[in-house]
mmCIF file of all heavy atoms, coordinates in Angstrom:
data_MODEL
# 
_entry.id   MODEL 
# 
loop_
_atom_site.group_PDB 
_atom_site.id 
_atom_site.type_symbol 
_atom_site.label_atom_id 
_atom_site.label_alt_id 
_atom_site.label_comp_id 
_atom_site.label_asym_id 
_atom_site.label_entity_id 
_atom_site.label_seq_id 
_atom_site.pdbx_PDB_ins_code 
_atom_site.Cartn_x 
_atom_site.Cartn_y 
_atom_site.Cartn_z 
_atom_site.occupancy 
_atom_site.B_iso_or_equiv 
_atom_site.pdbx_formal_charge 
_atom_site.auth_seq_id 
_atom_site.auth_comp_id 
_atom_site.auth_asym_id 
_atom_site.auth_atom_id 
_atom_site.pdbx_PDB_model_num 
ATOM 1   N N   . GLY A 1 1  ? -1.709 12.268 14.897  1.00 0.00 ? 1  GLY A N   1 
ATOM 2   C CA  . GLY A 1 1  ? -0.745 11.281 14.329  1.00 0.00 ? 1  GLY A CA  1 
ATOM 3   C C   . GLY A 1 1  ? -0.114 11.688 12.939  1.00 0.00 ? 1  GLY A C   1 
ATOM 4   O O   . GLY A 1 1  ? -0.542 12.704 12.428  1.00 0.00 ? 1  GLY A O   1 
ATOM 5   N N   . LEU A 1 2  ? 0.914  10.932 12.644  1.00 0.00 ? 2  LEU A N   1 
ATOM 6   C CA  . LEU A 1 2  ? 1.616  11.238 11.418  1.00 0.00 ? 2  LEU A CA  1 
ATOM 7   C C   . LEU A 1 2  ? 0.732  11.206 10.086  1.00 0.00 ? 2  LEU A C   1 
ATOM 8   O O   . LEU A 1 2  ? 0.823  12.021 9.269   1.00 0.00 ? 2  LEU A O   1 
ATOM 9   C CB  . LEU A 1 2  ? 2.784  10.244 11.198  1.00 0.00 ? 2  LEU A CB  1 
ATOM 10  C CG  . LEU A 1 2  ? 3.610  10.423 9.949   1.00 0.00 ? 2  LEU A CG  1 
ATOM 11  C CD1 . LEU A 1 2  ? 4.155  11.842 9.752   1.00 0.00 ? 2  LEU A CD1 1 
ATOM 12  C CD2 . LEU A 1 2  ? 4.705  9.431  9.920   1.00 0.00 ? 2  LEU A CD2 1 
ATOM 13  N N   . GLY A 1 3  ? -0.100 10.145 10.110  1.00 0.00 ? 3  GLY A N   1 
ATOM 14  C CA  . GLY A 1 3  ? -1.040 10.007 8.910   1.00 0.00 ? 3  GLY A CA  1 
ATOM 15  C C   . GLY A 1 3  ? -1.917 11.312 8.733   1.00 0.00 ? 3  GLY A C   1 
ATOM 16  O O   . GLY A 1 3  ? -2.047 11.801 7.622   1.00 0.00 ? 3  GLY A O   1 
ATOM 17  N N   . HIS A 1 4  ? -2.518 11.760 9.829   1.00 0.00 ? 4  HIS A N   1 
ATOM 18  C CA  . HIS A 1 4  ? -3.297 12.916 9.812   1.00 0.00 ? 4  HIS A CA  1 
ATOM 19  C C   . HIS A 1 4  ? -2.513 14.124 9.391   1.00 0.00 ? 4  HIS A C   1 
ATOM 20  O O   . HIS A 1 4  ? -3.016 15.028 8.620   1.00 0.00 ? 4  HIS A O   1 
ATOM 21  C CB  . HIS A 1 4  ? -3.950 13.217 11.121  1.00 0.00 ? 4  HIS A CB  1 
ATOM 22  C CG  . HIS A 1 4  ? -4.834 14.287 11.209  1.00 0.00 ? 4  HIS A CG  1 
ATOM 23  N ND1 . HIS A 1 4  ? -4.444 15.545 11.707  1.00 0.00 ? 4  HIS A ND1 1 
ATOM 24  C CD2 . HIS A 1 4  ? -6.168 14.380 10.788  1.00 0.00 ? 4  HIS A CD2 1 
ATOM 25  C CE1 . HIS A 1 4  ? -5.494 16.441 11.709  1.00 0.00 ? 4  HIS A CE1 1 
ATOM 26  N NE2 . HIS A 1 4  ? -6.507 15.768 11.060  1.00 0.00 ? 4  HIS A NE2 1 
ATOM 27  N N   . ALA A 1 5  ? -1.202 14.295 9.885   1.00 0.00 ? 5  ALA A N   1 
ATOM 28  C CA  . ALA A 1 5  ? -0.470 15.377 9.471   1.00 0.00 ? 5  ALA A CA  1 
ATOM 29  C C   . ALA A 1 5  ? -0.128 15.404 7.911   1.00 0.00 ? 5  ALA A C   1 
ATOM 30  O O   . ALA A 1 5  ? -0.227 16.456 7.295   1.00 0.00 ? 5  ALA A O   1 
ATOM 31  C CB  . ALA A 1 5  ? 0.940  15.316 10.225  1.00 0.00 ? 5  ALA A CB  1 
ATOM 32  N N   . VAL A 1 6  ? 0.086  14.282 7.425   1.00 0.00 ? 6  VAL A N   1 
ATOM 33  C CA  . VAL A 1 6  ? 0.358  14.172 5.985   1.00 0.00 ? 6  VAL A CA  1 
ATOM 34  C C   . VAL A 1 6  ? -0.914 14.653 5.223   1.00 0.00 ? 6  VAL A C   1 
ATOM 35  O O   . VAL A 1 6  ? -0.870 15.341 4.210   1.00 0.00 ? 6  VAL A O   1 
ATOM 36  C CB  . VAL A 1 6  ? 0.834  12.799 5.584   1.00 0.00 ? 6  VAL A CB  1 
ATOM 37  C CG1 . VAL A 1 6  ? 0.854  12.519 4.091   1.00 0.00 ? 6  VAL A CG1 1 
ATOM 38  C CG2 . VAL A 1 6  ? 2.227  12.535 6.217   1.00 0.00 ? 6  VAL A CG2 1 
ATOM 39  N N   . TRP A 1 7  ? -2.118 14.095 5.712   1.00 0.00 ? 7  TRP A N   1 
ATOM 40  C CA  . TRP A 1 7  ? -3.350 14.392 5.113   1.00 0.00 ? 7  TRP A CA  1 
ATOM 41  C C   . TRP A 1 7  ? -3.617 15.842 5.077   1.00 0.00 ? 7  TRP A C   1 
ATOM 42  O O   . TRP A 1 7  ? -4.206 16.499 4.098   1.00 0.00 ? 7  TRP A O   1 
ATOM 43  C CB  . TRP A 1 7  ? -4.444 13.658 5.795   1.00 0.00 ? 7  TRP A CB  1 
ATOM 44  C CG  . TRP A 1 7  ? -5.835 13.927 5.232   1.00 0.00 ? 7  TRP A CG  1 
ATOM 45  C CD1 . TRP A 1 7  ? -6.325 13.336 4.136   1.00 0.00 ? 7  TRP A CD1 1 
ATOM 46  C CD2 . TRP A 1 7  ? -6.837 14.831 5.769   1.00 0.00 ? 7  TRP A CD2 1 
ATOM 47  N NE1 . TRP A 1 7  ? -7.574 13.778 3.918   1.00 0.00 ? 7  TRP A NE1 1 
ATOM 48  C CE2 . TRP A 1 7  ? -8.001 14.634 4.938   1.00 0.00 ? 7  TRP A CE2 1 
ATOM 49  C CE3 . TRP A 1 7  ? -6.927 15.511 6.925   1.00 0.00 ? 7  TRP A CE3 1 
ATOM 50  C CZ2 . TRP A 1 7  ? -9.120 15.288 5.216   1.00 0.00 ? 7  TRP A CZ2 1 
ATOM 51  C CZ3 . TRP A 1 7  ? -8.143 16.171 7.154   1.00 0.00 ? 7  TRP A CZ3 1 
ATOM 52  C CH2 . TRP A 1 7  ? -9.194 16.150 6.288   1.00 0.00 ? 7  TRP A CH2 1 
ATOM 53  N N   . CYS A 1 8  ? -3.125 16.641 6.104   1.00 0.00 ? 8  CYS A N   1 
ATOM 54  C CA  . CYS A 1 8  ? -3.373 18.137 6.120   1.00 0.00 ? 8  CYS A CA  1 
ATOM 55  C C   . CYS A 1 8  ? -2.691 18.807 5.020   1.00 0.00 ? 8  CYS A C   1 
ATOM 56  O O   . CYS A 1 8  ? -3.076 19.983 4.673   1.00 0.00 ? 8  CYS A O   1 
ATOM 57  C CB  . CYS A 1 8  ? -2.901 18.623 7.451   1.00 0.00 ? 8  CYS A CB  1 
ATOM 58  S SG  . CYS A 1 8  ? -3.807 18.204 8.838   1.00 0.00 ? 8  CYS A SG  1 
ATOM 59  N N   . ALA A 1 9  ? -1.800 18.159 4.326   1.00 0.00 ? 9  ALA A N   1 
ATOM 60  C CA  . ALA A 1 9  ? -1.026 18.796 3.184   1.00 0.00 ? 9  ALA A CA  1 
ATOM 61  C C   . ALA A 1 9  ? -1.635 18.480 1.828   1.00 0.00 ? 9  ALA A C   1 
ATOM 62  O O   . ALA A 1 9  ? -0.986 18.886 0.825   1.00 0.00 ? 9  ALA A O   1 
ATOM 63  C CB  . ALA A 1 9  ? 0.490  18.397 3.227   1.00 0.00 ? 9  ALA A CB  1 
ATOM 64  N N   . ARG A 1 10 ? -2.772 17.737 1.883   1.00 0.00 ? 10 ARG A N   1 
ATOM 65  C CA  . ARG A 1 10 ? -3.260 17.181 0.567   1.00 0.00 ? 10 ARG A CA  1 
ATOM 66  C C   . ARG A 1 10 ? -3.450 18.312 -0.579  1.00 0.00 ? 10 ARG A C   1 
ATOM 67  O O   . ARG A 1 10 ? -3.181 18.086 -1.684  1.00 0.00 ? 10 ARG A O   1 
ATOM 68  C CB  . ARG A 1 10 ? -4.577 16.496 0.850   1.00 0.00 ? 10 ARG A CB  1 
ATOM 69  C CG  . ARG A 1 10 ? -5.674 17.428 1.370   1.00 0.00 ? 10 ARG A CG  1 
ATOM 70  C CD  . ARG A 1 10 ? -6.775 16.624 2.088   1.00 0.00 ? 10 ARG A CD  1 
ATOM 71  N NE  . ARG A 1 10 ? -7.866 17.536 2.573   1.00 0.00 ? 10 ARG A NE  1 
ATOM 72  C CZ  . ARG A 1 10 ? -7.817 18.207 3.668   1.00 0.00 ? 10 ARG A CZ  1 
ATOM 73  N NH1 . ARG A 1 10 ? -6.825 18.166 4.445   1.00 0.00 ? 10 ARG A NH1 1 
ATOM 74  N NH2 . ARG A 1 10 ? -8.863 18.940 4.072   1.00 0.00 ? 10 ARG A NH2 1 
ATOM 75  N N   . ASP A 1 11 ? -4.031 19.465 -0.121  1.00 0.00 ? 11 ASP A N   1 
ATOM 76  C CA  . ASP A 1 11 ? -4.354 20.445 -1.206  1.00 0.00 ? 11 ASP A CA  1 
ATOM 77  C C   . ASP A 1 11 ? -3.141 21.184 -1.710  1.00 0.00 ? 11 ASP A C   1 
ATOM 78  O O   . ASP A 1 11 ? -3.129 21.669 -2.816  1.00 0.00 ? 11 ASP A O   1 
ATOM 79  C CB  . ASP A 1 11 ? -5.327 21.526 -0.533  1.00 0.00 ? 11 ASP A CB  1 
ATOM 80  C CG  . ASP A 1 11 ? -6.788 20.898 -0.415  1.00 0.00 ? 11 ASP A CG  1 
ATOM 81  O OD1 . ASP A 1 11 ? -7.013 20.012 -1.113  1.00 0.00 ? 11 ASP A OD1 1 
ATOM 82  O OD2 . ASP A 1 11 ? -7.465 21.508 0.476   1.00 0.00 ? 11 ASP A OD2 1 
ATOM 83  N N   . ILE A 1 12 ? -2.115 21.267 -0.839  1.00 0.00 ? 12 ILE A N   1 
ATOM 84  C CA  . ILE A 1 12 ? -0.802 21.876 -1.280  1.00 0.00 ? 12 ILE A CA  1 
ATOM 85  C C   . ILE A 1 12 ? -0.025 20.885 -2.204  1.00 0.00 ? 12 ILE A C   1 
ATOM 86  O O   . ILE A 1 12 ? 0.512  21.386 -3.239  1.00 0.00 ? 12 ILE A O   1 
ATOM 87  C CB  . ILE A 1 12 ? -0.054 22.367 -0.143  1.00 0.00 ? 12 ILE A CB  1 
ATOM 88  C CG1 . ILE A 1 12 ? -0.812 23.240 0.788   1.00 0.00 ? 12 ILE A CG1 1 
ATOM 89  C CG2 . ILE A 1 12 ? 1.208  23.025 -0.553  1.00 0.00 ? 12 ILE A CG2 1 
ATOM 90  C CD1 . ILE A 1 12 ? -0.107 23.671 2.106   1.00 0.00 ? 12 ILE A CD1 1 
ATOM 91  N N   . VAL A 1 13 ? -0.040 19.710 -1.848  1.00 0.00 ? 13 VAL A N   1 
ATOM 92  C CA  . VAL A 1 13 ? 0.627  18.656 -2.646  1.00 0.00 ? 13 VAL A CA  1 
ATOM 93  C C   . VAL A 1 13 ? 0.029  18.426 -3.995  1.00 0.00 ? 13 VAL A C   1 
ATOM 94  O O   . VAL A 1 13 ? 0.605  18.515 -5.079  1.00 0.00 ? 13 VAL A O   1 
ATOM 95  C CB  . VAL A 1 13 ? 0.671  17.311 -1.926  1.00 0.00 ? 13 VAL A CB  1 
ATOM 96  C CG1 . VAL A 1 13 ? 1.248  16.152 -2.852  1.00 0.00 ? 13 VAL A CG1 1 
ATOM 97  C CG2 . VAL A 1 13 ? 1.558  17.367 -0.634  1.00 0.00 ? 13 VAL A CG2 1 
ATOM 98  N N   . GLY A 1 14 ? -1.304 18.388 -4.002  1.00 0.00 ? 14 GLY A N   1 
ATOM 99  C CA  . GLY A 1 14 ? -2.045 18.122 -5.265  1.00 0.00 ? 14 GLY A CA  1 
ATOM 100 C C   . GLY A 1 14 ? -1.927 16.752 -5.732  1.00 0.00 ? 14 GLY A C   1 
ATOM 101 O O   . GLY A 1 14 ? -1.615 15.773 -4.987  1.00 0.00 ? 14 GLY A O   1 
ATOM 102 N N   . ASN A 1 15 ? -2.097 16.493 -7.054  1.00 0.00 ? 15 ASN A N   1 
ATOM 103 C CA  . ASN A 1 15 ? -2.050 15.231 -7.604  1.00 0.00 ? 15 ASN A CA  1 
ATOM 104 C C   . ASN A 1 15 ? -0.789 14.861 -8.272  1.00 0.00 ? 15 ASN A C   1 
ATOM 105 O O   . ASN A 1 15 ? -0.516 14.702 -9.365  1.00 0.00 ? 15 ASN A O   1 
ATOM 106 C CB  . ASN A 1 15 ? -3.207 15.152 -8.737  1.00 0.00 ? 15 ASN A CB  1 
ATOM 107 C CG  . ASN A 1 15 ? -3.437 13.751 -9.251  1.00 0.00 ? 15 ASN A CG  1 
ATOM 108 O OD1 . ASN A 1 15 ? -3.343 12.787 -8.406  1.00 0.00 ? 15 ASN A OD1 1 
ATOM 109 N ND2 . ASN A 1 15 ? -3.830 13.566 -10.492 1.00 0.00 ? 15 ASN A ND2 1 
ATOM 110 N N   . GLU A 1 16 ? 0.233  14.710 -7.433  1.00 0.00 ? 16 GLU A N   1 
ATOM 111 C CA  . GLU A 1 16 ? 1.613  14.372 -7.822  1.00 0.00 ? 16 GLU A CA  1 
ATOM 112 C C   . GLU A 1 16 ? 2.328  13.595 -6.799  1.00 0.00 ? 16 GLU A C   1 
ATOM 113 O O   . GLU A 1 16 ? 1.986  13.769 -5.561  1.00 0.00 ? 16 GLU A O   1 
ATOM 114 C CB  . GLU A 1 16 ? 2.402  15.520 -8.297  1.00 0.00 ? 16 GLU A CB  1 
ATOM 115 C CG  . GLU A 1 16 ? 2.665  16.616 -7.208  1.00 0.00 ? 16 GLU A CG  1 
ATOM 116 C CD  . GLU A 1 16 ? 3.442  17.779 -7.786  1.00 0.00 ? 16 GLU A CD  1 
ATOM 117 O OE1 . GLU A 1 16 ? 4.592  17.652 -7.913  1.00 0.00 ? 16 GLU A OE1 1 
ATOM 118 O OE2 . GLU A 1 16 ? 2.774  18.819 -7.978  1.00 0.00 ? 16 GLU A OE2 1 
ATOM 119 N N   . PRO A 1 17 ? 3.323  12.756 -7.054  1.00 0.00 ? 17 PRO A N   1 
ATOM 120 C CA  . PRO A 1 17 ? 4.085  12.118 -6.016  1.00 0.00 ? 17 PRO A CA  1 
ATOM 121 C C   . PRO A 1 17 ? 4.835  13.017 -5.108  1.00 0.00 ? 17 PRO A C   1 
ATOM 122 O O   . PRO A 1 17 ? 5.215  14.156 -5.619  1.00 0.00 ? 17 PRO A O   1 
ATOM 123 C CB  . PRO A 1 17 ? 4.983  11.166 -6.755  1.00 0.00 ? 17 PRO A CB  1 
ATOM 124 C CG  . PRO A 1 17 ? 5.099  11.760 -8.177  1.00 0.00 ? 17 PRO A CG  1 
ATOM 125 C CD  . PRO A 1 17 ? 3.786  12.466 -8.385  1.00 0.00 ? 17 PRO A CD  1 
ATOM 126 N N   . PHE A 1 18 ? 5.050  12.752 -3.865  1.00 0.00 ? 18 PHE A N   1 
ATOM 127 C CA  . PHE A 1 18 ? 5.710  13.713 -3.007  1.00 0.00 ? 18 PHE A CA  1 
ATOM 128 C C   . PHE A 1 18 ? 6.575  12.906 -1.973  1.00 0.00 ? 18 PHE A C   1 
ATOM 129 O O   . PHE A 1 18 ? 6.332  11.726 -1.762  1.00 0.00 ? 18 PHE A O   1 
ATOM 130 C CB  . PHE A 1 18 ? 4.659  14.532 -2.299  1.00 0.00 ? 18 PHE A CB  1 
ATOM 131 C CG  . PHE A 1 18 ? 3.725  13.753 -1.398  1.00 0.00 ? 18 PHE A CG  1 
ATOM 132 C CD1 . PHE A 1 18 ? 3.949  13.782 -0.029  1.00 0.00 ? 18 PHE A CD1 1 
ATOM 133 C CD2 . PHE A 1 18 ? 2.675  13.013 -2.000  1.00 0.00 ? 18 PHE A CD2 1 
ATOM 134 C CE1 . PHE A 1 18 ? 2.971  13.019 0.788   1.00 0.00 ? 18 PHE A CE1 1 
ATOM 135 C CE2 . PHE A 1 18 ? 1.762  12.268 -1.144  1.00 0.00 ? 18 PHE A CE2 1 
ATOM 136 C CZ  . PHE A 1 18 ? 1.974  12.372 0.246   1.00 0.00 ? 18 PHE A CZ  1 
ATOM 137 N N   . ALA A 1 19 ? 7.418  13.630 -1.255  1.00 0.00 ? 19 ALA A N   1 
ATOM 138 C CA  . ALA A 1 19 ? 8.253  13.000 -0.292  1.00 0.00 ? 19 ALA A CA  1 
ATOM 139 C C   . ALA A 1 19 ? 7.648  13.486 1.118   1.00 0.00 ? 19 ALA A C   1 
ATOM 140 O O   . ALA A 1 19 ? 7.035  14.538 1.238   1.00 0.00 ? 19 ALA A O   1 
ATOM 141 C CB  . ALA A 1 19 ? 9.620  13.426 -0.349  1.00 0.00 ? 19 ALA A CB  1 
ATOM 142 N N   . VAL A 1 20 ? 7.841  12.574 2.142   1.00 0.00 ? 20 VAL A N   1 
ATOM 143 C CA  . VAL A 1 20 ? 7.653  12.910 3.466   1.00 0.00 ? 20 VAL A CA  1 
ATOM 144 C C   . VAL A 1 20 ? 8.935  12.779 4.343   1.00 0.00 ? 20 VAL A C   1 
ATOM 145 O O   . VAL A 1 20 ? 9.539  11.772 4.232   1.00 0.00 ? 20 VAL A O   1 
ATOM 146 C CB  . VAL A 1 20 ? 6.582  11.965 4.130   1.00 0.00 ? 20 VAL A CB  1 
ATOM 147 C CG1 . VAL A 1 20 ? 6.363  12.381 5.693   1.00 0.00 ? 20 VAL A CG1 1 
ATOM 148 C CG2 . VAL A 1 20 ? 5.193  12.111 3.371   1.00 0.00 ? 20 VAL A CG2 1 
ATOM 149 N N   . VAL A 1 21 ? 9.265  13.808 5.012   1.00 0.00 ? 21 VAL A N   1 
ATOM 150 C CA  . VAL A 1 21 ? 10.518 13.883 5.731   1.00 0.00 ? 21 VAL A CA  1 
ATOM 151 C C   . VAL A 1 21 ? 10.290 14.156 7.124   1.00 0.00 ? 21 VAL A C   1 
ATOM 152 O O   . VAL A 1 21 ? 9.707  15.321 7.518   1.00 0.00 ? 21 VAL A O   1 
ATOM 153 C CB  . VAL A 1 21 ? 11.589 14.902 5.073   1.00 0.00 ? 21 VAL A CB  1 
ATOM 154 C CG1 . VAL A 1 21 ? 12.825 14.907 5.818   1.00 0.00 ? 21 VAL A CG1 1 
ATOM 155 C CG2 . VAL A 1 21 ? 11.762 14.690 3.621   1.00 0.00 ? 21 VAL A CG2 1 
ATOM 156 N N   . LEU A 1 22 ? 10.681 13.331 8.112   1.00 0.00 ? 22 LEU A N   1 
ATOM 157 C CA  . LEU A 1 22 ? 10.499 13.574 9.588   1.00 0.00 ? 22 LEU A CA  1 
ATOM 158 C C   . LEU A 1 22 ? 11.703 14.361 10.025  1.00 0.00 ? 22 LEU A C   1 
ATOM 159 O O   . LEU A 1 22 ? 12.867 13.808 10.035  1.00 0.00 ? 22 LEU A O   1 
ATOM 160 C CB  . LEU A 1 22 ? 10.319 12.249 10.304  1.00 0.00 ? 22 LEU A CB  1 
ATOM 161 C CG  . LEU A 1 22 ? 9.184  11.400 9.856   1.00 0.00 ? 22 LEU A CG  1 
ATOM 162 C CD1 . LEU A 1 22 ? 8.977  10.305 10.942  1.00 0.00 ? 22 LEU A CD1 1 
ATOM 163 C CD2 . LEU A 1 22 ? 7.946  12.156 9.674   1.00 0.00 ? 22 LEU A CD2 1 
ATOM 164 N N   . PRO A 1 23 ? 11.532 15.564 10.581  1.00 0.00 ? 23 PRO A N   1 
ATOM 165 C CA  . PRO A 1 23 ? 12.682 16.408 10.908  1.00 0.00 ? 23 PRO A CA  1 
ATOM 166 C C   . PRO A 1 23 ? 13.480 15.898 12.037  1.00 0.00 ? 23 PRO A C   1 
ATOM 167 O O   . PRO A 1 23 ? 14.591 16.369 12.148  1.00 0.00 ? 23 PRO A O   1 
ATOM 168 C CB  . PRO A 1 23 ? 11.947 17.786 11.232  1.00 0.00 ? 23 PRO A CB  1 
ATOM 169 C CG  . PRO A 1 23 ? 10.684 17.686 10.578  1.00 0.00 ? 23 PRO A CG  1 
ATOM 170 C CD  . PRO A 1 23 ? 10.290 16.316 10.582  1.00 0.00 ? 23 PRO A CD  1 
ATOM 171 N N   . ASP A 1 24 ? 13.008 15.138 13.034  1.00 0.00 ? 24 ASP A N   1 
ATOM 172 C CA  . ASP A 1 24 ? 13.749 14.700 14.133  1.00 0.00 ? 24 ASP A CA  1 
ATOM 173 C C   . ASP A 1 24 ? 14.620 13.486 13.852  1.00 0.00 ? 24 ASP A C   1 
ATOM 174 O O   . ASP A 1 24 ? 15.297 12.916 14.708  1.00 0.00 ? 24 ASP A O   1 
ATOM 175 C CB  . ASP A 1 24 ? 12.894 14.429 15.450  1.00 0.00 ? 24 ASP A CB  1 
ATOM 176 C CG  . ASP A 1 24 ? 11.763 13.507 15.113  1.00 0.00 ? 24 ASP A CG  1 
ATOM 177 O OD1 . ASP A 1 24 ? 11.692 12.954 14.034  1.00 0.00 ? 24 ASP A OD1 1 
ATOM 178 O OD2 . ASP A 1 24 ? 11.003 13.296 16.027  1.00 0.00 ? 24 ASP A OD2 1 
ATOM 179 N N   . GLU A 1 25 ? 14.609 12.993 12.664  1.00 0.00 ? 25 GLU A N   1 
ATOM 180 C CA  . GLU A 1 25 ? 15.567 11.915 12.161  1.00 0.00 ? 25 GLU A CA  1 
ATOM 181 C C   . GLU A 1 25 ? 16.524 12.472 11.173  1.00 0.00 ? 25 GLU A C   1 
ATOM 182 O O   . GLU A 1 25 ? 16.237 12.901 10.052  1.00 0.00 ? 25 GLU A O   1 
ATOM 183 C CB  . GLU A 1 25 ? 14.669 10.720 11.613  1.00 0.00 ? 25 GLU A CB  1 
ATOM 184 C CG  . GLU A 1 25 ? 13.785 10.110 12.535  1.00 0.00 ? 25 GLU A CG  1 
ATOM 185 C CD  . GLU A 1 25 ? 13.132 8.818  11.995  1.00 0.00 ? 25 GLU A CD  1 
ATOM 186 O OE1 . GLU A 1 25 ? 13.678 8.300  11.115  1.00 0.00 ? 25 GLU A OE1 1 
ATOM 187 O OE2 . GLU A 1 25 ? 12.116 8.461  12.568  1.00 0.00 ? 25 GLU A OE2 1 
ATOM 188 N N   . LEU A 1 26 ? 17.793 12.454 11.570  1.00 0.00 ? 26 LEU A N   1 
ATOM 189 C CA  . LEU A 1 26 ? 18.844 12.856 10.655  1.00 0.00 ? 26 LEU A CA  1 
ATOM 190 C C   . LEU A 1 26 ? 19.679 11.650 10.197  1.00 0.00 ? 26 LEU A C   1 
ATOM 191 O O   . LEU A 1 26 ? 19.878 10.734 10.959  1.00 0.00 ? 26 LEU A O   1 
ATOM 192 C CB  . LEU A 1 26 ? 19.806 13.900 11.394  1.00 0.00 ? 26 LEU A CB  1 
ATOM 193 C CG  . LEU A 1 26 ? 19.116 15.277 11.866  1.00 0.00 ? 26 LEU A CG  1 
ATOM 194 C CD1 . LEU A 1 26 ? 20.292 16.117 12.467  1.00 0.00 ? 26 LEU A CD1 1 
ATOM 195 C CD2 . LEU A 1 26 ? 18.395 15.823 10.765  1.00 0.00 ? 26 LEU A CD2 1 
ATOM 196 N N   . VAL A 1 27 ? 20.080 11.723 9.019   1.00 0.00 ? 27 VAL A N   1 
ATOM 197 C CA  . VAL A 1 27 ? 20.959 10.694 8.378   1.00 0.00 ? 27 VAL A CA  1 
ATOM 198 C C   . VAL A 1 27 ? 22.260 11.323 8.006   1.00 0.00 ? 27 VAL A C   1 
ATOM 199 O O   . VAL A 1 27 ? 22.250 12.281 7.086   1.00 0.00 ? 27 VAL A O   1 
ATOM 200 C CB  . VAL A 1 27 ? 20.318 9.975  7.265   1.00 0.00 ? 27 VAL A CB  1 
ATOM 201 C CG1 . VAL A 1 27 ? 21.311 8.928  6.570   1.00 0.00 ? 27 VAL A CG1 1 
ATOM 202 C CG2 . VAL A 1 27 ? 18.940 9.286  7.628   1.00 0.00 ? 27 VAL A CG2 1 
# 
């Protein structure tokens, strides 16, 4: 799931706010 995918990036993101962008949705 999406929540698990975001959690997998925890160590790279670190302790700062971040964006999540779903690639199959274009605006």
